[in-house]
């Protein structure tokens, strides 16, 4: 026997908390301000970094350069995504499956989102590796190698999930 579910109470609950002051405060304190700090500081680091790919071709030199590049790409992607969804919702648009399907009806936007999602995931996974090294969690070469494999698995799995989510709208 198939049971039908009345989703109206859920939708009303979502709309009730959508613009409450507590939700807005939590979003700004936990999401927007940390991302803004990370973005501003990251831009500074990206444009003052001394990439030495020409002199050294080691794996970690490439990861260093790609961390800065994917940070810039991710920032551009996040700003655009927030504009297309969050800002439009504040202006009265309904953010739902149909909105995202409309965005993904444009092949350019599919490519843009794939690049943005993969850049964000790479930036996250490589940032985990850098965090572990910088904070002394992975000091030995063996522990750094294990962390490299771990973050590679994180990157592959999350990339699969992210790209699959995009194609759910197509």
N, C-alpha and C. Protein backbone atom coordinates (compact mmCIF):
# COMPACT_ATOMS: atom_id res chain seq x y z
N UNK A 1 0.83 -1.18 0.00
CA UNK A 1 0.00 0.00 0.00
C UNK A 1 0.88 1.24 0.00
N UNK A 2 0.67 2.12 -0.94
CA UNK A 2 1.45 3.35 -1.05
C UNK A 2 0.77 4.42 -0.20
N UNK A 3 1.58 5.04 0.66
CA UNK A 3 1.04 6.08 1.53
C UNK A 3 1.39 7.44 0.93
N UNK A 4 0.42 8.29 0.81
CA UNK A 4 0.68 9.64 0.32
C UNK A 4 1.04 10.53 1.50
N UNK A 5 1.94 11.44 1.27
CA UNK A 5 2.41 12.31 2.34
C UNK A 5 1.97 13.73 2.02
N UNK A 6 1.42 14.39 3.02
CA UNK A 6 1.03 15.79 2.86
C UNK A 6 2.28 16.64 3.11
N UNK A 7 2.81 17.23 2.06
CA UNK A 7 4.05 18.01 2.18
C UNK A 7 3.78 19.46 2.55
N UNK A 8 2.52 19.85 2.65
CA UNK A 8 2.21 21.26 2.90
C UNK A 8 2.75 21.72 4.26
N UNK A 9 2.70 20.85 5.29
CA UNK A 9 3.23 21.25 6.59
C UNK A 9 4.74 21.44 6.53
N UNK A 10 5.41 20.57 5.79
CA UNK A 10 6.86 20.71 5.63
C UNK A 10 7.18 22.03 4.93
N UNK A 11 6.48 22.29 3.84
CA UNK A 11 6.72 23.53 3.08
C UNK A 11 6.44 24.75 3.94
N UNK A 12 5.36 24.72 4.71
CA UNK A 12 5.05 25.84 5.61
C UNK A 12 6.15 26.02 6.65
N UNK A 13 6.66 24.91 7.19
CA UNK A 13 7.74 24.99 8.16
C UNK A 13 9.01 25.59 7.58
N UNK A 14 9.32 25.19 6.37
CA UNK A 14 10.50 25.74 5.69
C UNK A 14 10.32 27.24 5.48
N UNK A 15 9.16 27.65 5.00
CA UNK A 15 8.91 29.08 4.77
C UNK A 15 8.90 29.86 6.07
N UNK A 16 8.46 29.23 7.17
CA UNK A 16 8.42 29.91 8.46
C UNK A 16 9.82 30.28 8.93
N UNK A 17 10.78 29.37 8.75
CA UNK A 17 12.14 29.65 9.24
C UNK A 17 13.03 30.30 8.18
N UNK A 18 12.54 30.45 6.97
CA UNK A 18 13.37 30.95 5.87
C UNK A 18 14.01 32.30 6.18
N UNK A 19 13.28 33.23 6.73
CA UNK A 19 13.83 34.57 6.97
C UNK A 19 13.75 34.99 8.43
N UNK A 20 13.87 34.03 9.33
CA UNK A 20 13.89 34.38 10.75
C UNK A 20 15.24 35.00 11.08
N UNK A 21 15.25 35.93 12.04
CA UNK A 21 16.53 36.58 12.41
C UNK A 21 17.59 35.59 12.88
N UNK A 22 17.21 34.55 13.61
CA UNK A 22 18.20 33.58 14.10
C UNK A 22 18.86 32.86 12.94
N UNK A 23 18.08 32.44 11.95
CA UNK A 23 18.64 31.75 10.80
C UNK A 23 19.60 32.66 10.04
N UNK A 24 19.19 33.89 9.85
CA UNK A 24 20.04 34.85 9.13
C UNK A 24 21.33 35.10 9.91
N UNK A 25 21.24 35.26 11.22
CA UNK A 25 22.42 35.47 12.05
C UNK A 25 23.36 34.26 11.98
N UNK A 26 22.80 33.06 12.10
CA UNK A 26 23.62 31.85 12.05
C UNK A 26 24.29 31.72 10.68
N UNK A 27 23.55 31.99 9.61
CA UNK A 27 24.14 31.93 8.27
C UNK A 27 25.33 32.87 8.15
N UNK A 28 25.18 34.10 8.64
CA UNK A 28 26.26 35.07 8.52
C UNK A 28 27.46 34.69 9.39
N UNK A 29 27.21 34.26 10.61
CA UNK A 29 28.31 33.95 11.53
C UNK A 29 29.02 32.65 11.15
N UNK A 30 28.25 31.64 10.73
CA UNK A 30 28.83 30.32 10.49
C UNK A 30 29.24 30.11 9.03
N UNK A 31 28.59 30.79 8.09
CA UNK A 31 28.86 30.54 6.68
C UNK A 31 29.51 31.74 6.00
N UNK A 32 28.78 32.85 5.91
CA UNK A 32 29.21 33.96 5.07
C UNK A 32 30.48 34.66 5.55
N UNK A 33 30.56 35.00 6.82
CA UNK A 33 31.77 35.70 7.30
C UNK A 33 33.03 34.83 7.21
N UNK A 34 32.98 33.55 7.61
CA UNK A 34 34.19 32.72 7.42
C UNK A 34 34.58 32.57 5.95
N UNK A 35 33.59 32.39 5.07
CA UNK A 35 33.91 32.28 3.64
C UNK A 35 34.48 33.59 3.12
N UNK A 36 33.92 34.72 3.56
CA UNK A 36 34.43 36.02 3.12
C UNK A 36 35.87 36.22 3.58
N UNK A 37 36.16 35.89 4.84
CA UNK A 37 37.54 35.99 5.33
C UNK A 37 38.46 35.09 4.52
N UNK A 38 38.04 33.84 4.33
CA UNK A 38 38.84 32.87 3.57
C UNK A 38 39.08 33.37 2.15
N UNK A 39 38.06 33.97 1.55
CA UNK A 39 38.19 34.47 0.17
C UNK A 39 39.16 35.64 0.09
N UNK A 40 39.01 36.61 0.98
CA UNK A 40 39.89 37.79 0.95
C UNK A 40 41.33 37.38 1.22
N UNK A 41 41.53 36.60 2.27
CA UNK A 41 42.88 36.15 2.60
C UNK A 41 43.44 35.25 1.50
N UNK A 42 42.58 34.41 0.93
CA UNK A 42 42.99 33.52 -0.15
C UNK A 42 43.42 34.26 -1.40
N UNK A 43 42.70 35.33 -1.74
CA UNK A 43 43.08 36.15 -2.90
C UNK A 43 44.46 36.76 -2.66
N UNK A 44 44.69 37.26 -1.45
CA UNK A 44 46.00 37.82 -1.11
C UNK A 44 47.08 36.75 -1.28
N UNK A 45 46.85 35.56 -0.73
CA UNK A 45 47.84 34.48 -0.83
C UNK A 45 48.05 34.08 -2.29
N UNK A 46 46.96 33.95 -3.04
CA UNK A 46 47.06 33.51 -4.43
C UNK A 46 47.89 34.46 -5.27
N UNK A 47 47.73 35.76 -5.03
CA UNK A 47 48.43 36.72 -5.88
C UNK A 47 49.81 37.12 -5.35
N UNK A 48 50.16 36.69 -4.15
CA UNK A 48 51.51 36.96 -3.65
C UNK A 48 52.37 35.70 -3.58
N UNK A 49 51.77 34.55 -3.91
CA UNK A 49 52.50 33.28 -3.85
C UNK A 49 53.60 33.23 -4.90
N UNK A 50 54.67 32.58 -4.57
CA UNK A 50 55.79 32.40 -5.48
C UNK A 50 55.73 30.96 -6.03
N UNK A 51 55.06 30.80 -7.15
CA UNK A 51 55.00 29.49 -7.79
C UNK A 51 56.34 29.20 -8.44
N UNK A 52 56.85 27.99 -8.24
CA UNK A 52 58.15 27.65 -8.81
C UNK A 52 58.07 26.42 -9.70
N UNK A 53 57.00 26.35 -10.48
CA UNK A 53 56.84 25.20 -11.38
C UNK A 53 57.93 25.16 -12.45
N UNK A 54 58.43 26.32 -12.85
CA UNK A 54 59.47 26.37 -13.87
C UNK A 54 60.78 25.77 -13.41
N UNK A 55 61.07 25.90 -12.14
CA UNK A 55 62.33 25.37 -11.61
C UNK A 55 62.19 23.96 -11.06
N UNK A 56 61.03 23.68 -10.46
CA UNK A 56 60.81 22.37 -9.86
C UNK A 56 59.49 21.82 -10.37
N UNK A 57 59.47 20.56 -10.73
CA UNK A 57 58.24 19.97 -11.23
C UNK A 57 57.65 18.96 -10.27
N UNK A 58 57.94 19.09 -8.99
CA UNK A 58 57.48 18.12 -8.02
C UNK A 58 55.96 18.19 -7.83
N UNK A 59 55.41 17.07 -7.44
CA UNK A 59 53.97 16.93 -7.26
C UNK A 59 53.40 18.00 -6.34
N UNK A 60 54.00 18.23 -5.20
CA UNK A 60 53.47 19.20 -4.24
C UNK A 60 53.57 20.63 -4.75
N UNK A 61 54.54 20.94 -5.61
CA UNK A 61 54.58 22.28 -6.22
C UNK A 61 53.35 22.48 -7.10
N UNK A 62 52.96 21.45 -7.82
CA UNK A 62 51.75 21.52 -8.64
C UNK A 62 50.52 21.68 -7.75
N UNK A 63 50.47 20.94 -6.66
CA UNK A 63 49.32 21.04 -5.74
C UNK A 63 49.24 22.44 -5.13
N UNK A 64 50.39 23.03 -4.83
CA UNK A 64 50.45 24.40 -4.30
C UNK A 64 49.84 25.37 -5.30
N UNK A 65 50.27 25.27 -6.56
CA UNK A 65 49.76 26.16 -7.60
C UNK A 65 48.27 25.91 -7.87
N UNK A 66 47.87 24.64 -7.93
CA UNK A 66 46.47 24.32 -8.19
C UNK A 66 45.57 24.74 -7.04
N UNK A 67 46.08 24.74 -5.81
CA UNK A 67 45.29 25.21 -4.67
C UNK A 67 44.92 26.68 -4.85
N UNK A 68 45.87 27.47 -5.32
CA UNK A 68 45.59 28.90 -5.54
C UNK A 68 44.65 29.10 -6.72
N UNK A 69 44.89 28.37 -7.80
CA UNK A 69 44.05 28.49 -9.00
C UNK A 69 42.61 28.06 -8.71
N UNK A 70 42.44 26.91 -8.05
CA UNK A 70 41.09 26.44 -7.76
C UNK A 70 40.40 27.32 -6.73
N UNK A 71 41.16 27.98 -5.90
CA UNK A 71 40.57 28.94 -4.96
C UNK A 71 39.92 30.10 -5.70
N UNK A 72 40.60 30.63 -6.70
CA UNK A 72 40.05 31.74 -7.50
C UNK A 72 38.83 31.26 -8.29
N UNK A 73 38.95 30.09 -8.92
CA UNK A 73 37.82 29.54 -9.68
C UNK A 73 36.63 29.30 -8.76
N UNK A 74 36.88 28.73 -7.59
CA UNK A 74 35.81 28.45 -6.64
C UNK A 74 35.14 29.73 -6.17
N UNK A 75 35.93 30.77 -5.94
CA UNK A 75 35.35 32.06 -5.52
C UNK A 75 34.42 32.61 -6.60
N UNK A 76 34.86 32.58 -7.84
CA UNK A 76 34.02 33.05 -8.95
C UNK A 76 32.74 32.22 -9.02
N UNK A 77 32.89 30.90 -8.90
CA UNK A 77 31.74 30.00 -8.94
C UNK A 77 30.78 30.28 -7.79
N UNK A 78 31.30 30.43 -6.57
CA UNK A 78 30.44 30.68 -5.42
C UNK A 78 29.66 31.99 -5.56
N UNK A 79 30.34 33.03 -5.99
CA UNK A 79 29.66 34.32 -6.17
C UNK A 79 28.53 34.17 -7.18
N UNK A 80 28.81 33.52 -8.30
CA UNK A 80 27.78 33.33 -9.32
C UNK A 80 26.63 32.46 -8.80
N UNK A 81 26.97 31.36 -8.14
CA UNK A 81 25.94 30.45 -7.62
C UNK A 81 25.06 31.15 -6.58
N UNK A 82 25.67 31.93 -5.68
CA UNK A 82 24.90 32.67 -4.68
C UNK A 82 24.01 33.69 -5.36
N UNK A 83 24.53 34.35 -6.40
CA UNK A 83 23.71 35.31 -7.15
C UNK A 83 22.51 34.60 -7.80
N UNK A 84 22.77 33.46 -8.43
CA UNK A 84 21.70 32.75 -9.15
C UNK A 84 20.66 32.14 -8.24
N UNK A 85 21.02 31.83 -7.01
CA UNK A 85 20.07 31.13 -6.14
C UNK A 85 19.68 31.98 -4.94
N UNK A 86 20.58 32.25 -4.05
CA UNK A 86 20.26 32.93 -2.78
C UNK A 86 19.75 34.34 -3.00
N UNK A 87 20.44 35.11 -3.82
CA UNK A 87 20.02 36.49 -4.06
C UNK A 87 18.69 36.51 -4.81
N UNK A 88 18.54 35.63 -5.78
CA UNK A 88 17.28 35.57 -6.53
C UNK A 88 16.13 35.17 -5.61
N UNK A 89 16.38 34.28 -4.64
CA UNK A 89 15.35 33.90 -3.67
C UNK A 89 14.96 35.10 -2.83
N UNK A 90 15.94 35.91 -2.44
CA UNK A 90 15.65 37.11 -1.66
C UNK A 90 14.84 38.12 -2.49
N UNK A 91 14.99 38.05 -3.81
CA UNK A 91 14.23 38.95 -4.70
C UNK A 91 12.88 38.36 -5.10
N UNK A 92 12.56 37.19 -4.55
CA UNK A 92 11.24 36.62 -4.79
C UNK A 92 11.18 35.38 -5.65
N UNK A 93 12.28 34.95 -6.21
CA UNK A 93 12.27 33.74 -7.03
C UNK A 93 12.15 32.51 -6.14
N UNK A 94 11.61 31.46 -6.69
CA UNK A 94 11.49 30.20 -5.96
C UNK A 94 12.67 29.32 -6.34
N UNK A 95 13.46 28.98 -5.34
CA UNK A 95 14.61 28.10 -5.56
C UNK A 95 14.12 26.66 -5.37
N UNK A 96 14.03 25.95 -6.48
CA UNK A 96 13.56 24.58 -6.43
C UNK A 96 14.16 23.81 -7.60
N UNK A 97 13.69 22.59 -7.77
CA UNK A 97 14.20 21.74 -8.85
C UNK A 97 14.05 22.43 -10.21
N UNK A 98 12.90 23.05 -10.43
CA UNK A 98 12.64 23.69 -11.72
C UNK A 98 13.63 24.83 -12.00
N UNK A 99 13.98 25.59 -10.96
CA UNK A 99 14.95 26.67 -11.15
C UNK A 99 16.30 26.12 -11.59
N UNK A 100 16.75 25.07 -10.91
CA UNK A 100 18.04 24.48 -11.26
C UNK A 100 17.99 23.81 -12.62
N UNK A 101 16.87 23.17 -12.94
CA UNK A 101 16.72 22.56 -14.27
C UNK A 101 16.78 23.62 -15.35
N UNK A 102 16.21 24.78 -15.09
CA UNK A 102 16.27 25.89 -16.05
C UNK A 102 17.72 26.38 -16.23
N UNK A 103 18.43 26.50 -15.13
CA UNK A 103 19.85 26.90 -15.20
C UNK A 103 20.63 25.89 -16.04
N UNK A 104 20.38 24.59 -15.80
CA UNK A 104 21.13 23.55 -16.50
C UNK A 104 20.60 23.26 -17.89
N UNK A 105 19.59 23.99 -18.34
CA UNK A 105 19.15 23.83 -19.73
C UNK A 105 20.16 24.47 -20.69
N UNK A 106 21.05 25.29 -20.16
CA UNK A 106 22.11 25.93 -20.93
C UNK A 106 23.38 25.07 -20.81
N UNK A 107 23.89 24.53 -21.92
CA UNK A 107 25.10 23.68 -21.85
C UNK A 107 26.31 24.41 -21.24
N UNK A 108 26.42 25.72 -21.47
CA UNK A 108 27.52 26.47 -20.87
C UNK A 108 27.45 26.41 -19.35
N UNK A 109 26.23 26.52 -18.80
CA UNK A 109 26.07 26.50 -17.34
C UNK A 109 26.39 25.11 -16.78
N UNK A 110 26.08 24.07 -17.52
CA UNK A 110 26.45 22.72 -17.08
C UNK A 110 27.97 22.64 -16.95
N UNK A 111 28.68 23.10 -17.98
CA UNK A 111 30.15 23.10 -17.93
C UNK A 111 30.68 23.97 -16.81
N UNK A 112 30.09 25.16 -16.65
CA UNK A 112 30.51 26.09 -15.61
C UNK A 112 30.34 25.47 -14.23
N UNK A 113 29.20 24.83 -14.00
CA UNK A 113 28.96 24.20 -12.71
C UNK A 113 29.86 23.00 -12.48
N UNK A 114 30.13 22.22 -13.51
CA UNK A 114 31.04 21.07 -13.35
C UNK A 114 32.43 21.56 -12.96
N UNK A 115 32.93 22.57 -13.68
CA UNK A 115 34.25 23.13 -13.35
C UNK A 115 34.24 23.72 -11.94
N UNK A 116 33.17 24.44 -11.60
CA UNK A 116 33.07 25.05 -10.27
C UNK A 116 33.02 24.03 -9.16
N UNK A 117 32.21 23.00 -9.34
CA UNK A 117 32.09 21.96 -8.31
C UNK A 117 33.41 21.21 -8.14
N UNK A 118 34.03 20.82 -9.25
CA UNK A 118 35.29 20.08 -9.16
C UNK A 118 36.40 20.96 -8.58
N UNK A 119 36.42 22.23 -8.93
CA UNK A 119 37.41 23.15 -8.34
C UNK A 119 37.20 23.27 -6.84
N UNK A 120 35.96 23.43 -6.42
CA UNK A 120 35.67 23.56 -4.99
C UNK A 120 36.08 22.30 -4.24
N UNK A 121 35.80 21.15 -4.82
CA UNK A 121 36.12 19.88 -4.16
C UNK A 121 37.63 19.67 -4.12
N UNK A 122 38.33 20.00 -5.21
CA UNK A 122 39.79 19.89 -5.19
C UNK A 122 40.36 20.82 -4.13
N UNK A 123 39.87 22.06 -4.10
CA UNK A 123 40.35 23.05 -3.13
C UNK A 123 40.14 22.54 -1.70
N UNK A 124 38.99 21.93 -1.46
CA UNK A 124 38.68 21.36 -0.15
C UNK A 124 39.61 20.20 0.18
N UNK A 125 39.73 19.24 -0.73
CA UNK A 125 40.52 18.03 -0.46
C UNK A 125 42.00 18.38 -0.30
N UNK A 126 42.54 19.20 -1.18
CA UNK A 126 43.94 19.59 -1.07
C UNK A 126 44.15 20.47 0.17
N UNK A 127 43.15 21.26 0.52
CA UNK A 127 43.22 22.06 1.74
C UNK A 127 43.26 21.18 2.99
N UNK A 128 42.53 20.06 2.96
CA UNK A 128 42.61 19.10 4.08
C UNK A 128 44.03 18.59 4.24
N UNK A 129 44.68 18.25 3.12
CA UNK A 129 46.05 17.77 3.17
C UNK A 129 46.96 18.85 3.76
N UNK A 130 46.84 20.07 3.25
CA UNK A 130 47.68 21.18 3.73
C UNK A 130 47.43 21.46 5.21
N UNK A 131 46.17 21.40 5.62
CA UNK A 131 45.82 21.61 7.02
C UNK A 131 46.51 20.57 7.90
N UNK A 132 46.43 19.32 7.48
CA UNK A 132 47.03 18.23 8.28
C UNK A 132 48.54 18.41 8.41
N UNK A 133 49.19 18.86 7.35
CA UNK A 133 50.64 19.08 7.40
C UNK A 133 50.96 20.31 8.24
N UNK A 134 50.26 21.42 7.99
CA UNK A 134 50.53 22.68 8.69
C UNK A 134 50.32 22.57 10.19
N UNK A 135 49.33 21.80 10.60
CA UNK A 135 49.01 21.68 12.02
C UNK A 135 49.72 20.50 12.68
N UNK A 136 50.65 19.87 11.96
CA UNK A 136 51.46 18.82 12.55
C UNK A 136 50.75 17.49 12.74
N UNK A 137 49.65 17.29 12.04
CA UNK A 137 48.93 16.01 12.15
C UNK A 137 49.59 14.93 11.30
N UNK A 138 50.22 15.34 10.22
CA UNK A 138 50.92 14.41 9.33
C UNK A 138 52.35 14.92 9.16
N UNK A 139 53.23 14.45 10.02
CA UNK A 139 54.60 14.95 10.03
C UNK A 139 55.52 14.07 9.18
N UNK A 140 55.37 12.78 9.30
CA UNK A 140 56.28 11.87 8.60
C UNK A 140 55.91 11.75 7.13
N UNK A 141 56.88 11.40 6.28
CA UNK A 141 56.57 11.18 4.87
C UNK A 141 55.48 10.12 4.66
N UNK A 142 55.50 9.07 5.49
CA UNK A 142 54.49 8.01 5.36
C UNK A 142 53.09 8.55 5.66
N UNK A 143 52.97 9.32 6.75
CA UNK A 143 51.65 9.86 7.11
C UNK A 143 51.16 10.85 6.04
N UNK A 144 52.08 11.60 5.45
CA UNK A 144 51.69 12.52 4.37
C UNK A 144 51.25 11.75 3.13
N UNK A 145 51.90 10.64 2.85
CA UNK A 145 51.50 9.81 1.71
C UNK A 145 50.11 9.22 1.94
N UNK A 146 49.86 8.73 3.16
CA UNK A 146 48.55 8.19 3.50
C UNK A 146 47.49 9.28 3.37
N UNK A 147 47.81 10.47 3.85
CA UNK A 147 46.86 11.59 3.75
C UNK A 147 46.62 11.96 2.29
N UNK A 148 47.64 11.84 1.46
CA UNK A 148 47.47 12.11 0.02
C UNK A 148 46.45 11.14 -0.56
N UNK A 149 46.58 9.86 -0.23
CA UNK A 149 45.61 8.87 -0.74
C UNK A 149 44.21 9.12 -0.19
N UNK A 150 44.14 9.45 1.09
CA UNK A 150 42.85 9.73 1.71
C UNK A 150 42.16 10.91 1.03
N UNK A 151 42.91 12.00 0.83
CA UNK A 151 42.30 13.18 0.21
C UNK A 151 41.99 12.93 -1.27
N UNK A 152 42.73 12.07 -1.92
CA UNK A 152 42.41 11.70 -3.30
C UNK A 152 41.06 10.96 -3.34
N UNK A 153 40.86 10.05 -2.39
CA UNK A 153 39.59 9.33 -2.31
C UNK A 153 38.45 10.30 -2.02
N UNK A 154 38.67 11.24 -1.10
CA UNK A 154 37.66 12.27 -0.81
C UNK A 154 37.34 13.05 -2.08
N UNK A 155 38.37 13.46 -2.81
CA UNK A 155 38.16 14.22 -4.04
C UNK A 155 37.35 13.43 -5.07
N UNK A 156 37.72 12.18 -5.30
CA UNK A 156 37.02 11.37 -6.30
C UNK A 156 35.57 11.13 -5.90
N UNK A 157 35.34 10.74 -4.66
CA UNK A 157 33.97 10.44 -4.21
C UNK A 157 33.08 11.68 -4.26
N UNK A 158 33.56 12.79 -3.71
CA UNK A 158 32.75 14.01 -3.71
C UNK A 158 32.55 14.55 -5.12
N UNK A 159 33.54 14.41 -5.98
CA UNK A 159 33.38 14.85 -7.38
C UNK A 159 32.31 14.02 -8.08
N UNK A 160 32.31 12.72 -7.84
CA UNK A 160 31.28 11.86 -8.42
C UNK A 160 29.89 12.29 -7.95
N UNK A 161 29.76 12.52 -6.65
CA UNK A 161 28.47 12.93 -6.08
C UNK A 161 28.05 14.29 -6.66
N UNK A 162 28.98 15.24 -6.69
CA UNK A 162 28.67 16.59 -7.19
C UNK A 162 28.26 16.60 -8.65
N UNK A 163 29.02 15.91 -9.49
CA UNK A 163 28.69 15.88 -10.93
C UNK A 163 27.41 15.09 -11.15
N UNK A 164 27.20 14.02 -10.40
CA UNK A 164 25.95 13.27 -10.52
C UNK A 164 24.76 14.14 -10.15
N UNK A 165 24.91 14.97 -9.14
CA UNK A 165 23.83 15.87 -8.73
C UNK A 165 23.50 16.85 -9.85
N UNK A 166 24.51 17.34 -10.54
CA UNK A 166 24.27 18.25 -11.66
C UNK A 166 23.44 17.55 -12.73
N UNK A 167 23.84 16.33 -13.08
CA UNK A 167 23.14 15.61 -14.15
C UNK A 167 21.77 15.11 -13.74
N UNK A 168 21.43 15.19 -12.45
CA UNK A 168 20.07 14.86 -12.02
C UNK A 168 19.08 15.91 -12.52
N UNK A 169 19.57 17.10 -12.84
CA UNK A 169 18.71 18.19 -13.30
C UNK A 169 18.58 18.23 -14.82
N UNK A 170 19.43 17.49 -15.51
CA UNK A 170 19.46 17.56 -16.98
C UNK A 170 18.44 16.60 -17.57
